[in-house]
C-alpha atoms as a PDB file:
ATOM      1  CA  MET A   1     -48.064  -5.286  -4.304  1.00  0.00           C
ATOM      2  CA  LYS A   2     -47.431  -8.908  -3.403  1.00  0.00           C
ATOM      3  CA  SER A   3     -45.828  -9.687  -6.739  1.00  0.00           C
ATOM      4  CA  PHE A   4     -43.442  -6.731  -6.317  1.00  0.00           C
ATOM      5  CA  ASN A   5     -42.382  -8.034  -2.893  1.00  0.00           C
ATOM      6  CA  GLU A   6     -41.879 -11.515  -4.324  1.00  0.00           C
ATOM      7  CA  ALA A   7     -39.778 -10.084  -7.154  1.00  0.00           C
ATOM      8  CA  VAL A   8     -37.580  -8.151  -4.706  1.00  0.00           C
ATOM      9  CA  LEU A   9     -37.139 -11.240  -2.525  1.00  0.00           C
ATOM     10  CA  SER A  10     -36.254 -13.322  -5.570  1.00  0.00           C
ATOM     11  CA  LEU A  11     -33.691 -10.722  -6.629  1.00  0.00           C
ATOM     12  CA  LEU A  12     -32.177 -10.647  -3.136  1.00  0.00           C
ATOM     13  CA  ARG A  13     -31.974 -14.463  -3.050  1.00  0.00           C
ATOM     14  CA  PHE A  14     -30.270 -14.456  -6.443  1.00  0.00           C
ATOM     15  CA  LEU A  15     -27.761 -11.798  -5.367  1.00  0.00           C
ATOM     16  CA  ARG A  16     -26.988 -13.667  -2.153  1.00  0.00           C
ATOM     17  CA  GLU A  17     -26.268 -16.841  -4.119  1.00  0.00           C
ATOM     18  CA  ALA A  18     -24.322 -15.063  -6.864  1.00  0.00           C
ATOM     19  CA  LEU A  19     -22.157 -13.003  -4.507  1.00  0.00           C
ATOM     20  CA  SER A  20     -21.316 -15.755  -2.045  1.00  0.00           C
ATOM     21  CA  GLU A  21     -19.561 -19.069  -2.045  1.00  0.00           C
ATOM     22  CA  ASP A  22     -21.123 -21.672   0.228  1.00  0.00           C
ATOM     23  CA  GLY A  23     -23.045 -18.917   2.018  1.00  0.00           C
ATOM     24  CA  GLN A  24     -19.907 -16.879   2.681  1.00  0.00           C
ATOM     25  CA  GLY A  25     -19.518 -13.539   0.957  1.00  0.00           C
ATOM     26  CA  SER A  26     -16.530 -12.734  -1.212  1.00  0.00           C
ATOM     27  CA  TRP A  27     -14.966  -9.273  -1.451  1.00  0.00           C
ATOM     28  CA  SER A  28     -13.887  -9.905  -5.019  1.00  0.00           C
ATOM     29  CA  ARG A  29     -17.409 -10.841  -6.099  1.00  0.00           C
ATOM     30  CA  VAL A  30     -19.037  -7.932  -4.311  1.00  0.00           C
ATOM     31  CA  GLY A  31     -16.378  -5.514  -5.562  1.00  0.00           C
ATOM     32  CA  SER A  32     -16.734  -6.808  -9.102  1.00  0.00           C
ATOM     33  CA  ALA A  33     -20.501  -6.442  -8.905  1.00  0.00           C
ATOM     34  CA  VAL A  34     -20.133  -2.844  -7.719  1.00  0.00           C
ATOM     35  CA  VAL A  35     -17.703  -2.019 -10.547  1.00  0.00           C
ATOM     36  CA  VAL A  36     -19.945  -3.621 -13.166  1.00  0.00           C
ATOM     37  CA  ALA A  37     -23.059  -1.935 -11.744  1.00  0.00           C
ATOM     38  CA  ALA A  38     -21.297   1.447 -11.834  1.00  0.00           C
ATOM     39  CA  LEU A  39     -20.231   0.839 -15.436  1.00  0.00           C
ATOM     40  CA  VAL A  40     -23.757  -0.122 -16.450  1.00  0.00           C
ATOM     41  CA  PHE A  41     -25.147   2.948 -14.681  1.00  0.00           C
ATOM     42  CA  VAL A  42     -22.717   5.239 -16.515  1.00  0.00           C
ATOM     43  CA  MET A  43     -23.514   3.562 -19.834  1.00  0.00           C
ATOM     44  CA  ILE A  44     -27.259   3.940 -19.318  1.00  0.00           C
ATOM     45  CA  SER A  45     -27.111   7.513 -18.037  1.00  0.00           C
ATOM     46  CA  THR A  46     -24.704   8.791 -20.707  1.00  0.00           C
ATOM     47  CA  ARG A  47     -25.815   6.436 -23.503  1.00  0.00           C
ATOM     48  CA  SER A  48     -22.198   5.752 -24.405  1.00  0.00           C
ATOM     49  CA  VAL A  49     -19.366   3.440 -23.415  1.00  0.00           C
ATOM     50  CA  PRO A  50     -16.838   5.178 -21.144  1.00  0.00           C
ATOM     51  CA  GLU A  51     -13.279   5.552 -22.383  1.00  0.00           C
ATOM     52  CA  ARG A  52     -11.823   3.997 -19.223  1.00  0.00           C
ATOM     53  CA  THR A  53     -12.999   0.425 -19.834  1.00  0.00           C
ATOM     54  CA  GLU A  54      -9.410  -0.874 -19.867  1.00  0.00           C
ATOM     55  CA  GLU A  55      -8.809   0.485 -16.376  1.00  0.00           C
ATOM     56  CA  LEU A  56     -12.062  -1.080 -15.183  1.00  0.00           C
ATOM     57  CA  ALA A  57     -10.926  -4.414 -16.587  1.00  0.00           C
ATOM     58  CA  TRP A  58      -7.693  -4.082 -14.583  1.00  0.00           C
ATOM     59  CA  VAL A  59      -9.712  -3.354 -11.429  1.00  0.00           C
ATOM     60  CA  LEU A  60     -11.819  -6.459 -12.009  1.00  0.00           C
ATOM     61  CA  ALA A  61      -8.685  -8.516 -12.652  1.00  0.00           C
ATOM     62  CA  ALA A  62      -7.104  -7.193  -9.441  1.00  0.00           C
ATOM     63  CA  LEU A  63     -10.180  -8.107  -7.414  1.00  0.00           C
ATOM     64  CA  TYR A  64     -10.231 -11.601  -8.896  1.00  0.00           C
ATOM     65  CA  GLY A  65      -6.480 -11.988  -8.423  1.00  0.00           C
ATOM     66  CA  ALA A  66      -6.714 -11.000  -4.759  1.00  0.00           C
ATOM     67  CA  ASN A  67      -9.347 -13.673  -4.230  1.00  0.00           C
ATOM     68  CA  GLN A  68      -7.218 -16.312  -5.943  1.00  0.00           C
ATOM     69  CA  PHE A  69      -4.116 -15.194  -4.016  1.00  0.00           C
ATOM     70  CA  ALA A  70      -6.011 -15.715  -0.760  1.00  0.00           C
ATOM     71  CA  ARG A  71      -6.979 -19.223  -1.873  1.00  0.00           C
ATOM     72  CA  LEU A  72      -3.347 -19.964  -2.709  1.00  0.00           C
ATOM     73  CA  GLY A  73      -2.323 -18.862   0.791  1.00  0.00           C
ATOM     74  CA  GLU A  74      -4.967 -21.076   2.365  1.00  0.00           C
ATOM     75  CA  ALA A  75      -3.871 -24.057   0.275  1.00  0.00           C
ATOM     76  CA  LEU A  76      -0.214 -23.545   1.205  1.00  0.00           C
ATOM     77  CA  ALA A  77      -1.093 -23.269   4.899  1.00  0.00           C
ATOM     78  CA  GLU A  78      -3.130 -26.460   4.702  1.00  0.00           C
ATOM     79  CA  LEU A  79      -0.279 -28.254   2.925  1.00  0.00           C
ATOM     80  CA  LYS A  80       2.172 -27.097   5.582  1.00  0.00           C
ATOM     81  CA  GLN A  81      -0.109 -28.386   8.367  1.00  0.00           C
ATOM     82  CA  ARG A  82      -0.383 -31.789   6.675  1.00  0.00           C
ATOM     83  CA  LYS A  83       3.410 -32.153   6.534  1.00  0.00           C
ATOM     84  CA  LEU A  84       3.860 -31.418  10.249  1.00  0.00           C
ATOM     85  CA  PRO A  85       3.902 -34.568  12.451  1.00  0.00           C
END
C-alpha cells in the first residue's frame, strides 16, 4: 500500500510542476490538459481517433493564445510604467 501512496504523490507532484509556472497555475495549461485527457479517454474507450481532432487543435491553440495574449498585456503594462517619470 505504501508504494501506491508514493506513486500517487509522485504523480501529483509531477502534475503540479507540469501545470504551473513558478508555482502559479495556468488556465491554458490546465485547460489543455483537460482537453488532451478527454481526447485520450475517448480514444481508449472507443478504440478509434475521433473525427473532431481539428476542432480540438483549435481549442488548444485558443487556450495557448489566451495565455500568450495575457503575457503581452503584462509586458505592455510594464513597459508603460517604465516610461512614466
